[in-house]
Amino acid sequence: MSDFHLTSNNDGTFLIRPVSARAEVWWKAAEMREKYVVDNTGNDFCIILTENQRKVCDEIRKNNFDFTN
């Protein structure tokens, strides 16, 4: 099972959400929401600007998590 679900919104943003328990714990502890999230959806996706996508993905990979699209 992947740790994060990542998808493009095709409007200058992308959507991400932690799907594993360990990803959820890390996401909160690393304060990723406070650092990068500009809004959220009704489906618990966090909306992040495309310009921050690389930073977010690099931090996630650096901490040994993976993605599903």
Protein backbone atom coordinates (compact mmCIF):
# COMPACT_ATOMS: atom_id res chain seq x y z
CA MET A 1 0.00 0.00 0.00
CA SER A 2 1.22 3.47 -0.81
CA ASP A 3 1.64 6.17 1.80
CA PHE A 4 0.27 9.16 -0.16
CA HIS A 5 -2.25 9.66 -2.94
CA LEU A 6 -1.10 12.41 -5.32
CA THR A 7 -2.96 13.81 -8.31
CA SER A 8 -2.87 16.92 -10.48
CA ASN A 9 -5.81 19.28 -10.46
CA ASN A 10 -4.74 20.82 -13.83
CA ASP A 11 -5.28 24.35 -12.55
CA GLY A 12 -1.88 25.24 -11.09
CA THR A 13 -2.40 23.05 -8.04
CA PHE A 14 -2.11 19.42 -7.08
CA LEU A 15 -3.94 17.32 -4.54
CA ILE A 16 -2.31 15.11 -1.95
CA ARG A 17 -3.43 13.16 1.08
CA PRO A 18 -1.78 10.68 3.40
CA VAL A 19 -3.36 7.23 3.11
CA SER A 20 -1.25 5.15 5.50
CA ALA A 21 -1.25 5.61 9.26
CA ARG A 22 2.49 6.27 9.38
CA ALA A 23 2.17 8.89 6.61
CA GLU A 24 -0.62 10.63 8.54
CA VAL A 25 1.52 10.74 11.69
CA TRP A 26 4.54 12.09 9.79
CA TRP A 27 2.45 14.65 7.82
CA LYS A 28 1.19 16.15 11.08
CA ALA A 29 4.52 15.96 12.95
CA ALA A 30 6.38 17.60 10.04
CA GLU A 31 3.70 20.33 9.90
CA MET A 32 3.35 19.88 6.16
CA ARG A 33 -0.17 21.33 6.19
CA GLU A 34 1.07 24.53 7.80
CA LYS A 35 4.03 24.80 5.40
CA TYR A 36 2.42 24.07 2.04
CA VAL A 37 -1.35 23.59 2.02
CA VAL A 38 -3.43 26.45 0.60
CA ASP A 39 -6.85 24.76 0.94
CA ASN A 40 -8.46 21.35 1.24
CA THR A 41 -11.31 19.46 -0.41
CA GLY A 42 -14.33 17.66 0.94
CA ASN A 43 -12.52 14.38 0.26
CA ASP A 44 -9.66 15.20 2.67
CA PHE A 45 -7.22 16.09 -0.10
CA CYS A 46 -4.82 18.92 0.63
CA ILE A 47 -4.43 21.48 -2.15
CA ILE A 48 -0.84 22.54 -2.80
CA LEU A 49 0.46 24.99 -5.39
CA THR A 50 2.33 23.38 -8.27
CA GLU A 51 5.38 25.53 -7.48
CA ASN A 52 5.70 23.67 -4.16
CA GLN A 53 5.14 20.19 -5.59
CA ARG A 54 8.83 19.34 -5.88
CA LYS A 55 9.56 20.48 -2.31
CA VAL A 56 6.68 18.44 -0.90
CA CYS A 57 7.54 15.33 -2.94
CA ASP A 58 11.24 15.59 -2.07
CA GLU A 59 10.45 15.80 1.65
CA ILE A 60 8.12 12.80 1.38
CA ARG A 61 10.70 10.71 -0.52
CA LYS A 62 13.50 11.77 1.85
CA ASN A 63 11.44 10.27 4.67
CA ASN A 64 10.99 6.94 2.85
CA PHE A 65 7.36 7.31 1.81
CA ASP A 66 5.86 6.54 -1.60
CA PHE A 67 2.95 7.65 -3.77
CA THR A 68 0.05 6.39 -5.81
CA ASN A 69 -1.60 8.48 -8.52
